[in-house]
Amino acid sequence: EFLLLALADTRQLQLLHFWLLLGIYLAALLGNGLISTAVACDHRLHTPMYFFLLNLALLDLGCISTTLPKAMTNALWHTRDISYAGCAAQVFFLLFLFGAEYSLLIVMSYDRYVAICKPLHYGTLLGSRACATMAAAAWGTGLLCSLLHTANTFSLPLCQGNVVNQFFCEIPQILKLTCSKSYLSEFGLIMLSALIFFGCFAFILFSYVQIFRAVLRMPSEQGRHKAFSTCLPHLAVLSLFLSTVMFAYLKPFSISSPSLDLTVALLYSVVPPALNPIIYSMRNKEIKHALSKVLQYALFWIQ
């Protein structure tokens, strides 16, 4: 088994962390659950953009459910241990869900690009079959990436103890426990993944450059406002996800410390799933209307 990083040294602080994480977890479950229900139940939201948003909410539910329940259990029961199989499962599901989420954010960038730059071809390029194929490809990419990295990482011999300096299992921390030079194969795989990552990032940048050029050329102010209102939430979610993940995995080892690693891990594994529903519903009237209908229906059944 492995020993995870304790969130606090004293019992009082551990319980405080438990209640704080529980509040964040329940808020993320509620927010993403409401978004999923609203999109699934409101026929006016059965469009490509909201179909991808539904997939994003499901991925966020999976991401936060992979890390926080174990961290809360350890804080509540004053333990640090996680089984070998449990650690491998955390790594697998985190990579799967993060890989699928990044792939989905690329697809969502393409959706906004077609909607604004090629509106006459939107129905053709983003029909129901094309949307289902792209969503399946995003989930499949995450699965393939996760299988490769998890199998490669957990096939390496461990000879540096069993203490993982993080509150959940992640590849950089597991690699620190492997024997010297044995991690080179995984390092090569990480470099290949990084090249693909930045290639996709370049595609996202190109898409948004074209989107902003097209929006600024629109003659009507109302049209520009509507275009920006559909793009800005996605851009905010994308920026939040990429900035936290890139800082977590690309920061120099010289500035690495247990407290900084813990803060960064919380930022990329907990903050995006909790904030994404707020970002998407804040400026979107259709989502707000659908959410109000869902809440009214729920209150009617409770009464």
C-alpha atoms as a PDB file:
ATOM      1  CA  GLU A   1       0.000   0.000   0.000  1.00  0.00           C
ATOM      2  CA  PHE A   2       0.939   3.693  -0.248  1.00  0.00           C
ATOM      3  CA  LEU A   3       0.803   6.499   2.321  1.00  0.00           C
ATOM      4  CA  LEU A   4      -0.782   9.743   1.066  1.00  0.00           C
ATOM      5  CA  LEU A   5       0.048  13.255   2.228  1.00  0.00           C
ATOM      6  CA  ALA A   6      -1.952  14.336   5.282  1.00  0.00           C
ATOM      7  CA  LEU A   7      -3.851  17.578   4.730  1.00  0.00           C
ATOM      8  CA  ALA A   8      -3.060  18.775   8.276  1.00  0.00           C
ATOM      9  CA  ASP A   9      -1.032  17.768  11.323  1.00  0.00           C
ATOM     10  CA  THR A  10      -3.591  18.355  14.082  1.00  0.00           C
ATOM     11  CA  ARG A  11      -6.927  16.586  14.518  1.00  0.00           C
ATOM     12  CA  GLN A  12      -8.881  19.864  14.618  1.00  0.00           C
ATOM     13  CA  LEU A  13      -7.422  21.024  11.308  1.00  0.00           C
ATOM     14  CA  GLN A  14      -8.095  17.615   9.727  1.00  0.00           C
ATOM     15  CA  LEU A  15     -11.768  17.866  10.686  1.00  0.00           C
ATOM     16  CA  LEU A  16     -11.873  21.434   9.376  1.00  0.00           C
ATOM     17  CA  HIS A  17     -10.428  20.215   6.051  1.00  0.00           C
ATOM     18  CA  PHE A  18     -12.998  17.401   5.998  1.00  0.00           C
ATOM     19  CA  TRP A  19     -15.954  19.803   6.299  1.00  0.00           C
ATOM     20  CA  LEU A  20     -14.407  22.233   3.796  1.00  0.00           C
ATOM     21  CA  LEU A  21     -13.816  19.482   1.212  1.00  0.00           C
ATOM     22  CA  LEU A  22     -17.289  18.056   1.855  1.00  0.00           C
ATOM     23  CA  GLY A  23     -18.835  21.470   1.155  1.00  0.00           C
ATOM     24  CA  ILE A  24     -16.851  21.853  -2.093  1.00  0.00           C
ATOM     25  CA  TYR A  25     -17.694  18.288  -3.137  1.00  0.00           C
ATOM     26  CA  LEU A  26     -21.437  18.697  -2.519  1.00  0.00           C
ATOM     27  CA  ALA A  27     -21.430  22.056  -4.348  1.00  0.00           C
ATOM     28  CA  ALA A  28     -19.685  20.453  -7.347  1.00  0.00           C
ATOM     29  CA  LEU A  29     -22.112  17.509  -7.331  1.00  0.00           C
ATOM     30  CA  LEU A  30     -25.101  19.855  -7.131  1.00  0.00           C
ATOM     31  CA  GLY A  31     -23.820  22.262  -9.804  1.00  0.00           C
ATOM     32  CA  ASN A  32     -22.794  19.641 -12.349  1.00  0.00           C
ATOM     33  CA  GLY A  33     -25.840  17.495 -11.548  1.00  0.00           C
ATOM     34  CA  LEU A  34     -28.185  20.442 -12.173  1.00  0.00           C
ATOM     35  CA  ILE A  35     -26.418  21.327 -15.445  1.00  0.00           C
ATOM     36  CA  SER A  36     -26.674  17.686 -16.626  1.00  0.00           C
ATOM     37  CA  THR A  37     -30.347  17.434 -15.672  1.00  0.00           C
ATOM     38  CA  ALA A  38     -31.225  20.784 -17.251  1.00  0.00           C
ATOM     39  CA  VAL A  39     -29.566  19.912 -20.569  1.00  0.00           C
ATOM     40  CA  ALA A  40     -31.036  16.405 -20.639  1.00  0.00           C
ATOM     41  CA  CYS A  41     -34.606  17.511 -19.779  1.00  0.00           C
ATOM     42  CA  ASP A  42     -34.988  20.790 -21.713  1.00  0.00           C
ATOM     43  CA  HIS A  43     -35.526  20.075 -25.432  1.00  0.00           C
ATOM     44  CA  ARG A  44     -34.418  23.632 -26.308  1.00  0.00           C
ATOM     45  CA  LEU A  45     -30.932  22.732 -25.053  1.00  0.00           C
ATOM     46  CA  HIS A  46     -30.630  19.699 -27.348  1.00  0.00           C
ATOM     47  CA  THR A  47     -28.030  21.446 -29.506  1.00  0.00           C
ATOM     48  CA  PRO A  48     -24.342  20.597 -30.129  1.00  0.00           C
ATOM     49  CA  MET A  49     -23.030  23.224 -27.706  1.00  0.00           C
ATOM     50  CA  TYR A  50     -25.160  21.966 -24.807  1.00  0.00           C
ATOM     51  CA  PHE A  51     -24.569  18.318 -25.716  1.00  0.00           C
ATOM     52  CA  PHE A  52     -20.839  18.927 -25.236  1.00  0.00           C
ATOM     53  CA  LEU A  53     -21.572  20.876 -22.035  1.00  0.00           C
ATOM     54  CA  LEU A  54     -23.470  17.827 -20.713  1.00  0.00           C
ATOM     55  CA  ASN A  55     -20.407  15.672 -21.401  1.00  0.00           C
ATOM     56  CA  LEU A  56     -18.187  18.236 -19.655  1.00  0.00           C
ATOM     57  CA  ALA A  57     -20.418  18.203 -16.552  1.00  0.00           C
ATOM     58  CA  LEU A  58     -20.270  14.387 -16.416  1.00  0.00           C
ATOM     59  CA  LEU A  59     -16.464  14.461 -16.713  1.00  0.00           C
ATOM     60  CA  ASP A  60     -16.236  17.066 -13.941  1.00  0.00           C
ATOM     61  CA  LEU A  61     -18.394  14.875 -11.702  1.00  0.00           C
ATOM     62  CA  GLY A  62     -16.004  11.996 -12.338  1.00  0.00           C
ATOM     63  CA  CYS A  63     -12.857  14.110 -11.768  1.00  0.00           C
ATOM     64  CA  ILE A  64     -13.861  15.444  -8.380  1.00  0.00           C
ATOM     65  CA  SER A  65     -15.264  12.061  -7.301  1.00  0.00           C
ATOM     66  CA  THR A  66     -11.905  10.408  -8.012  1.00  0.00           C
ATOM     67  CA  THR A  67      -9.883  12.497  -5.548  1.00  0.00           C
ATOM     68  CA  LEU A  68     -12.054  14.082  -2.847  1.00  0.00           C
ATOM     69  CA  PRO A  69     -13.907  11.071  -1.320  1.00  0.00           C
ATOM     70  CA  LYS A  70     -10.637   9.331  -0.389  1.00  0.00           C
ATOM     71  CA  ALA A  71      -9.111  12.583   0.911  1.00  0.00           C
ATOM     72  CA  MET A  72     -12.229  13.230   3.028  1.00  0.00           C
ATOM     73  CA  THR A  73     -12.205   9.658   4.368  1.00  0.00           C
ATOM     74  CA  ASN A  74      -8.556   9.937   5.363  1.00  0.00           C
ATOM     75  CA  ALA A  75      -9.126  13.322   7.045  1.00  0.00           C
ATOM     76  CA  LEU A  76     -12.179  12.052   8.922  1.00  0.00           C
ATOM     77  CA  TRP A  77     -10.630   8.786  10.158  1.00  0.00           C
ATOM     78  CA  HIS A  78      -7.117  10.187  10.684  1.00  0.00           C
ATOM     79  CA  THR A  79      -5.488   7.769   8.223  1.00  0.00           C
ATOM     80  CA  ARG A  80      -3.139   8.151   5.252  1.00  0.00           C
ATOM     81  CA  ASP A  81      -3.124   4.743   3.593  1.00  0.00           C
ATOM     82  CA  ILE A  82      -4.389   3.758   0.156  1.00  0.00           C
ATOM     83  CA  SER A  83      -4.072   0.300  -1.355  1.00  0.00           C
ATOM     84  CA  TYR A  84      -1.886  -0.391  -4.401  1.00  0.00           C
ATOM     85  CA  ALA A  85      -4.993  -1.157  -6.467  1.00  0.00           C
ATOM     86  CA  GLY A  86      -6.735   1.959  -5.142  1.00  0.00           C
ATOM     87  CA  CYS A  87      -3.746   4.121  -6.079  1.00  0.00           C
ATOM     88  CA  ALA A  88      -3.606   2.610  -9.581  1.00  0.00           C
ATOM     89  CA  ALA A  89      -7.370   3.202  -9.945  1.00  0.00           C
ATOM     90  CA  GLN A  90      -6.988   6.866  -8.948  1.00  0.00           C
ATOM     91  CA  VAL A  91      -4.208   7.391 -11.497  1.00  0.00           C
ATOM     92  CA  PHE A  92      -6.197   5.593 -14.206  1.00  0.00           C
ATOM     93  CA  PHE A  93      -9.456   7.484 -13.679  1.00  0.00           C
ATOM     94  CA  LEU A  94      -7.767  10.877 -13.249  1.00  0.00           C
ATOM     95  CA  LEU A  95      -5.820  10.492 -16.491  1.00  0.00           C
ATOM     96  CA  PHE A  96      -8.873   9.125 -18.283  1.00  0.00           C
ATOM     97  CA  LEU A  97     -11.136  11.967 -17.159  1.00  0.00           C
ATOM     98  CA  PHE A  98      -8.552  14.759 -17.604  1.00  0.00           C
ATOM     99  CA  GLY A  99      -7.565  13.431 -21.041  1.00  0.00           C
ATOM    100  CA  ALA A 100     -11.206  13.206 -22.091  1.00  0.00           C
ATOM    101  CA  GLU A 101     -11.926  16.694 -20.699  1.00  0.00           C
ATOM    102  CA  TYR A 102      -9.045  18.284 -22.593  1.00  0.00           C
ATOM    103  CA  SER A 103     -10.125  16.503 -25.789  1.00  0.00           C
ATOM    104  CA  LEU A 104     -13.700  17.671 -25.217  1.00  0.00           C
ATOM    105  CA  LEU A 105     -12.565  21.281 -24.700  1.00  0.00           C
ATOM    106  CA  ILE A 106     -10.835  21.054 -28.108  1.00  0.00           C
ATOM    107  CA  VAL A 107     -14.080  19.801 -29.654  1.00  0.00           C
ATOM    108  CA  MET A 108     -15.981  22.647 -27.965  1.00  0.00           C
ATOM    109  CA  SER A 109     -13.497  25.137 -29.454  1.00  0.00           C
ATOM    110  CA  TYR A 110     -14.210  23.660 -32.891  1.00  0.00           C
ATOM    111  CA  ASP A 111     -17.960  23.923 -32.200  1.00  0.00           C
ATOM    112  CA  ARG A 112     -17.656  27.651 -31.421  1.00  0.00           C
ATOM    113  CA  TYR A 113     -15.376  28.151 -34.461  1.00  0.00           C
ATOM    114  CA  VAL A 114     -17.924  26.595 -36.838  1.00  0.00           C
ATOM    115  CA  ALA A 115     -20.879  28.384 -35.181  1.00  0.00           C
ATOM    116  CA  ILE A 116     -19.307  31.834 -35.586  1.00  0.00           C
ATOM    117  CA  CYS A 117     -16.974  31.536 -38.583  1.00  0.00           C
ATOM    118  CA  LYS A 118     -19.001  29.093 -40.729  1.00  0.00           C
ATOM    119  CA  PRO A 119     -22.618  29.458 -39.543  1.00  0.00           C
ATOM    120  CA  LEU A 120     -24.130  28.302 -42.865  1.00  0.00           C
ATOM    121  CA  HIS A 121     -22.309  24.947 -42.548  1.00  0.00           C
ATOM    122  CA  TYR A 122     -23.059  24.457 -38.832  1.00  0.00           C
ATOM    123  CA  GLY A 123     -25.913  21.995 -39.315  1.00  0.00           C
ATOM    124  CA  THR A 124     -23.864  19.943 -41.773  1.00  0.00           C
ATOM    125  CA  LEU A 125     -20.564  19.876 -39.889  1.00  0.00           C
ATOM    126  CA  LEU A 126     -22.107  19.404 -36.454  1.00  0.00           C
ATOM    127  CA  GLY A 127     -25.065  17.100 -36.997  1.00  0.00           C
ATOM    128  CA  SER A 128     -26.173  14.679 -34.286  1.00  0.00           C
ATOM    129  CA  ARG A 129     -24.024  11.836 -35.648  1.00  0.00           C
ATOM    130  CA  ALA A 130     -20.930  14.061 -35.950  1.00  0.00           C
ATOM    131  CA  CYS A 131     -21.420  15.338 -32.378  1.00  0.00           C
ATOM    132  CA  ALA A 132     -21.791  11.810 -30.989  1.00  0.00           C
ATOM    133  CA  THR A 133     -18.666  10.706 -32.894  1.00  0.00           C
ATOM    134  CA  MET A 134     -16.590  13.645 -31.616  1.00  0.00           C
ATOM    135  CA  ALA A 135     -17.751  13.119 -28.024  1.00  0.00           C
ATOM    136  CA  ALA A 136     -16.969   9.389 -28.263  1.00  0.00           C
ATOM    137  CA  ALA A 137     -13.548  10.243 -29.714  1.00  0.00           C
ATOM    138  CA  ALA A 138     -12.853  12.578 -26.773  1.00  0.00           C
ATOM    139  CA  TRP A 139     -13.758   9.876 -24.227  1.00  0.00           C
ATOM    140  CA  GLY A 140     -11.798   7.272 -26.228  1.00  0.00           C
ATOM    141  CA  THR A 141      -8.694   9.500 -26.367  1.00  0.00           C
ATOM    142  CA  GLY A 142      -8.773   9.894 -22.598  1.00  0.00           C
ATOM    143  CA  LEU A 143      -9.154   6.135 -22.158  1.00  0.00           C
ATOM    144  CA  LEU A 144      -6.241   5.304 -24.474  1.00  0.00           C
ATOM    145  CA  CYS A 145      -3.968   7.903 -22.851  1.00  0.00           C
ATOM    146  CA  SER A 146      -4.858   6.619 -19.396  1.00  0.00           C
ATOM    147  CA  LEU A 147      -4.285   2.963 -20.264  1.00  0.00           C
ATOM    148  CA  LEU A 148      -0.827   3.686 -21.702  1.00  0.00           C
ATOM    149  CA  HIS A 149       0.398   5.861 -18.827  1.00  0.00           C
ATOM    150  CA  THR A 150      -1.112   3.801 -15.994  1.00  0.00           C
ATOM    151  CA  ALA A 151       0.151   0.470 -17.336  1.00  0.00           C
ATOM    152  CA  ASN A 152       3.622   1.904 -17.959  1.00  0.00           C
ATOM    153  CA  THR A 153       3.899   3.677 -14.586  1.00  0.00           C
ATOM    154  CA  PHE A 154       2.753   0.739 -12.444  1.00  0.00           C
ATOM    155  CA  SER A 155       4.993  -1.708 -14.297  1.00  0.00           C
ATOM    156  CA  LEU A 156       8.066   0.151 -12.977  1.00  0.00           C
ATOM    157  CA  PRO A 157       9.894  -1.230  -9.901  1.00  0.00           C
ATOM    158  CA  LEU A 158       9.541   0.874  -6.729  1.00  0.00           C
ATOM    159  CA  CYS A 159      12.567   1.277  -4.472  1.00  0.00           C
ATOM    160  CA  GLN A 160      12.145   4.711  -2.827  1.00  0.00           C
ATOM    161  CA  GLY A 161       9.600   3.805  -0.152  1.00  0.00           C
ATOM    162  CA  ASN A 162       5.810   4.137  -0.317  1.00  0.00           C
ATOM    163  CA  VAL A 163       5.138   7.739   0.784  1.00  0.00           C
ATOM    164  CA  VAL A 164       3.273   9.741  -1.886  1.00  0.00           C
ATOM    165  CA  ASN A 165       3.730  13.484  -1.269  1.00  0.00           C
ATOM    166  CA  GLN A 166       0.227  14.332  -2.455  1.00  0.00           C
ATOM    167  CA  PHE A 167      -3.317  13.853  -1.119  1.00  0.00           C
ATOM    168  CA  PHE A 168      -4.100  11.578  -4.082  1.00  0.00           C
ATOM    169  CA  CYS A 169      -2.034   9.359  -6.381  1.00  0.00           C
ATOM    170  CA  GLU A 170      -0.589  11.081  -9.441  1.00  0.00           C
ATOM    171  CA  ILE A 171       2.135  10.018 -11.868  1.00  0.00           C
ATOM    172  CA  PRO A 172       4.865  12.595 -10.952  1.00  0.00           C
ATOM    173  CA  GLN A 173       4.701  11.506  -7.308  1.00  0.00           C
ATOM    174  CA  ILE A 174       4.708   7.784  -8.188  1.00  0.00           C
ATOM    175  CA  LEU A 175       7.718   8.280 -10.484  1.00  0.00           C
ATOM    176  CA  LYS A 176       9.654   9.745  -7.538  1.00  0.00           C
ATOM    177  CA  LEU A 177       9.335   6.338  -5.840  1.00  0.00           C
ATOM    178  CA  THR A 178      10.706   4.347  -8.792  1.00  0.00           C
ATOM    179  CA  CYS A 179      14.281   3.160  -9.138  1.00  0.00           C
ATOM    180  CA  SER A 180      16.712   5.461 -10.942  1.00  0.00           C
ATOM    181  CA  LYS A 181      16.642   5.192 -14.766  1.00  0.00           C
ATOM    182  CA  SER A 182      13.632   2.850 -14.689  1.00  0.00           C
ATOM    183  CA  TYR A 183      11.276   5.767 -15.297  1.00  0.00           C
ATOM    184  CA  LEU A 184      12.845   6.749 -18.642  1.00  0.00           C
ATOM    185  CA  SER A 185      10.190   4.893 -20.675  1.00  0.00           C
ATOM    186  CA  GLU A 186       7.383   6.771 -18.882  1.00  0.00           C
ATOM    187  CA  PHE A 187       9.320  10.025 -19.268  1.00  0.00           C
ATOM    188  CA  GLY A 188       9.445   9.422 -23.033  1.00  0.00           C
ATOM    189  CA  LEU A 189       5.707   8.771 -23.079  1.00  0.00           C
ATOM    190  CA  ILE A 190       5.132  11.992 -21.129  1.00  0.00           C
ATOM    191  CA  MET A 191       7.217  13.945 -23.670  1.00  0.00           C
ATOM    192  CA  LEU A 192       5.142  12.500 -26.528  1.00  0.00           C
ATOM    193  CA  SER A 193       1.931  13.406 -24.687  1.00  0.00           C
ATOM    194  CA  ALA A 194       3.281  16.934 -24.121  1.00  0.00           C
ATOM    195  CA  LEU A 195       3.926  17.362 -27.861  1.00  0.00           C
ATOM    196  CA  ILE A 196       0.364  16.261 -28.654  1.00  0.00           C
ATOM    197  CA  PHE A 197      -0.926  18.530 -25.859  1.00  0.00           C
ATOM    198  CA  PHE A 198       0.789  21.613 -27.299  1.00  0.00           C
ATOM    199  CA  GLY A 199      -0.256  20.693 -30.837  1.00  0.00           C
ATOM    200  CA  CYS A 200      -3.893  20.669 -29.706  1.00  0.00           C
ATOM    201  CA  PHE A 201      -3.292  23.884 -27.763  1.00  0.00           C
ATOM    202  CA  ALA A 202      -2.079  25.515 -30.995  1.00  0.00           C
ATOM    203  CA  PHE A 203      -5.327  24.407 -32.691  1.00  0.00           C
ATOM    204  CA  ILE A 204      -7.375  25.990 -29.881  1.00  0.00           C
ATOM    205  CA  LEU A 205      -5.424  29.253 -30.194  1.00  0.00           C
ATOM    206  CA  PHE A 206      -5.922  29.278 -33.973  1.00  0.00           C
ATOM    207  CA  SER A 207      -9.675  28.666 -33.519  1.00  0.00           C
ATOM    208  CA  TYR A 208     -10.065  31.564 -31.099  1.00  0.00           C
ATOM    209  CA  VAL A 209      -7.999  33.947 -33.218  1.00  0.00           C
ATOM    210  CA  GLN A 210     -10.374  33.219 -36.124  1.00  0.00           C
ATOM    211  CA  ILE A 211     -13.419  33.526 -33.817  1.00  0.00           C
ATOM    212  CA  PHE A 212     -12.392  36.952 -32.470  1.00  0.00           C
ATOM    213  CA  ARG A 213     -11.566  38.194 -35.970  1.00  0.00           C
ATOM    214  CA  ALA A 214     -15.019  37.110 -37.173  1.00  0.00           C
ATOM    215  CA  VAL A 215     -16.783  38.631 -34.139  1.00  0.00           C
ATOM    216  CA  LEU A 216     -15.023  41.984 -34.477  1.00  0.00           C
ATOM    217  CA  ARG A 217     -16.104  42.139 -38.146  1.00  0.00           C
ATOM    218  CA  MET A 218     -19.792  41.738 -37.235  1.00  0.00           C
ATOM    219  CA  PRO A 219     -21.737  44.923 -38.071  1.00  0.00           C
ATOM    220  CA  SER A 220     -24.300  44.586 -35.271  1.00  0.00           C
ATOM    221  CA  GLU A 221     -23.392  45.186 -31.630  1.00  0.00           C
ATOM    222  CA  GLN A 222     -26.121  42.741 -30.549  1.00  0.00           C
ATOM    223  CA  GLY A 223     -24.570  40.024 -32.734  1.00  0.00           C
ATOM    224  CA  ARG A 224     -21.127  40.664 -31.232  1.00  0.00           C
ATOM    225  CA  HIS A 225     -22.559  40.522 -27.714  1.00  0.00           C
ATOM    226  CA  LYS A 226     -24.351  37.226 -28.410  1.00  0.00           C
ATOM    227  CA  ALA A 227     -21.218  35.691 -29.963  1.00  0.00           C
ATOM    228  CA  PHE A 228     -19.057  36.752 -27.029  1.00  0.00           C
ATOM    229  CA  SER A 229     -21.624  35.467 -24.503  1.00  0.00           C
ATOM    230  CA  THR A 230     -21.376  31.943 -25.985  1.00  0.00           C
ATOM    231  CA  CYS A 231     -17.564  32.003 -26.311  1.00  0.00           C
ATOM    232  CA  LEU A 232     -16.432  33.639 -23.074  1.00  0.00           C
ATOM    233  CA  PRO A 233     -17.681  30.902 -20.674  1.00  0.00           C
ATOM    234  CA  HIS A 234     -15.877  28.241 -22.725  1.00  0.00           C
ATOM    235  CA  LEU A 235     -12.754  30.392 -22.870  1.00  0.00           C
ATOM    236  CA  ALA A 236     -12.880  30.922 -19.086  1.00  0.00           C
ATOM    237  CA  VAL A 237     -13.279  27.172 -18.421  1.00  0.00           C
ATOM    238  CA  LEU A 238     -10.499  26.374 -20.892  1.00  0.00           C
ATOM    239  CA  SER A 239      -8.130  28.944 -19.353  1.00  0.00           C
ATOM    240  CA  LEU A 240      -8.842  27.693 -15.811  1.00  0.00           C
ATOM    241  CA  PHE A 241      -8.229  24.066 -16.782  1.00  0.00           C
ATOM    242  CA  LEU A 242      -5.086  24.668 -18.871  1.00  0.00           C
ATOM    243  CA  SER A 243      -3.410  27.162 -16.529  1.00  0.00           C
ATOM    244  CA  THR A 244      -3.759  24.935 -13.455  1.00  0.00           C
ATOM    245  CA  VAL A 245      -2.755  21.704 -15.236  1.00  0.00           C
ATOM    246  CA  MET A 246       0.198  23.298 -17.056  1.00  0.00           C
ATOM    247  CA  PHE A 247       1.509  24.896 -13.863  1.00  0.00           C
ATOM    248  CA  ALA A 248       1.121  21.600 -11.985  1.00  0.00           C
ATOM    249  CA  TYR A 249       3.047  19.522 -14.517  1.00  0.00           C
ATOM    250  CA  LEU A 250       5.447  22.028 -16.093  1.00  0.00           C
ATOM    251  CA  LYS A 251       6.656  24.018 -13.075  1.00  0.00           C
ATOM    252  CA  PRO A 252      10.430  23.760 -12.419  1.00  0.00           C
ATOM    253  CA  PHE A 253      11.552  21.253  -9.795  1.00  0.00           C
ATOM    254  CA  SER A 254      13.503  24.066  -8.112  1.00  0.00           C
ATOM    255  CA  ILE A 255      10.272  25.738  -6.910  1.00  0.00           C
ATOM    256  CA  SER A 256       8.609  22.477  -5.904  1.00  0.00           C
ATOM    257  CA  SER A 257       7.633  22.020  -2.254  1.00  0.00           C
ATOM    258  CA  PRO A 258       5.002  19.866  -0.476  1.00  0.00           C
ATOM    259  CA  SER A 259       2.798  22.876   0.360  1.00  0.00           C
ATOM    260  CA  LEU A 260       3.017  24.304  -3.181  1.00  0.00           C
ATOM    261  CA  ASP A 261       2.367  20.883  -4.758  1.00  0.00           C
ATOM    262  CA  LEU A 262      -0.675  20.448  -2.503  1.00  0.00           C
ATOM    263  CA  THR A 263      -2.058  23.888  -3.405  1.00  0.00           C
ATOM    264  CA  VAL A 264      -1.535  23.340  -7.139  1.00  0.00           C
ATOM    265  CA  ALA A 265      -3.140  19.865  -6.962  1.00  0.00           C
ATOM    266  CA  LEU A 266      -6.196  21.350  -5.260  1.00  0.00           C
ATOM    267  CA  LEU A 267      -6.338  24.046  -7.958  1.00  0.00           C
ATOM    268  CA  TYR A 268      -6.351  21.661 -10.930  1.00  0.00           C
ATOM    269  CA  SER A 269      -8.296  18.725  -9.465  1.00  0.00           C
ATOM    270  CA  VAL A 270     -10.924  20.488  -7.335  1.00  0.00           C
ATOM    271  CA  VAL A 271     -11.404  24.092  -8.477  1.00  0.00           C
ATOM    272  CA  PRO A 272     -12.358  23.563 -12.185  1.00  0.00           C
ATOM    273  CA  PRO A 273     -15.096  20.940 -11.508  1.00  0.00           C
ATOM    274  CA  ALA A 274     -16.554  23.154  -8.769  1.00  0.00           C
ATOM    275  CA  LEU A 275     -16.427  26.429 -10.750  1.00  0.00           C
ATOM    276  CA  ASN A 276     -17.370  25.235 -14.251  1.00  0.00           C
ATOM    277  CA  PRO A 277     -21.158  25.097 -13.560  1.00  0.00           C
ATOM    278  CA  ILE A 278     -21.028  28.648 -12.133  1.00  0.00           C
ATOM    279  CA  ILE A 279     -19.053  29.963 -15.114  1.00  0.00           C
ATOM    280  CA  TYR A 280     -21.442  28.427 -17.649  1.00  0.00           C
ATOM    281  CA  SER A 281     -24.654  29.464 -15.915  1.00  0.00           C
ATOM    282  CA  MET A 282     -23.593  33.005 -14.945  1.00  0.00           C
ATOM    283  CA  ARG A 283     -24.077  34.689 -18.344  1.00  0.00           C
ATOM    284  CA  ASN A 284     -26.248  32.128 -20.103  1.00  0.00           C
ATOM    285  CA  LYS A 285     -29.980  32.925 -20.078  1.00  0.00           C
ATOM    286  CA  GLU A 286     -30.966  29.566 -21.594  1.00  0.00           C
ATOM    287  CA  ILE A 287     -29.135  27.630 -18.866  1.00  0.00           C
ATOM    288  CA  LYS A 288     -30.609  29.881 -16.168  1.00  0.00           C
ATOM    289  CA  HIS A 289     -34.123  29.325 -17.529  1.00  0.00           C
ATOM    290  CA  ALA A 290     -33.632  25.552 -17.760  1.00  0.00           C
ATOM    291  CA  LEU A 291     -32.199  25.427 -14.211  1.00  0.00           C
ATOM    292  CA  SER A 292     -35.152  27.400 -12.831  1.00  0.00           C
ATOM    293  CA  LYS A 293     -37.546  24.900 -14.457  1.00  0.00           C
ATOM    294  CA  VAL A 294     -35.622  21.960 -12.957  1.00  0.00           C
ATOM    295  CA  LEU A 295     -35.680  23.560  -9.488  1.00  0.00           C
ATOM    296  CA  GLN A 296     -39.399  24.369  -9.747  1.00  0.00           C
ATOM    297  CA  TYR A 297     -40.124  20.780 -10.761  1.00  0.00           C
ATOM    298  CA  ALA A 298     -38.023  19.456  -7.853  1.00  0.00           C
ATOM    299  CA  LEU A 299     -39.791  21.748  -5.353  1.00  0.00           C
ATOM    300  CA  PHE A 300     -43.182  20.660  -6.720  1.00  0.00           C
ATOM    301  CA  TRP A 301     -42.332  16.987  -6.063  1.00  0.00           C
ATOM    302  CA  ILE A 302     -40.937  17.747  -2.586  1.00  0.00           C
ATOM    303  CA  GLN A 303     -44.164  19.544  -1.636  1.00  0.00           C
END
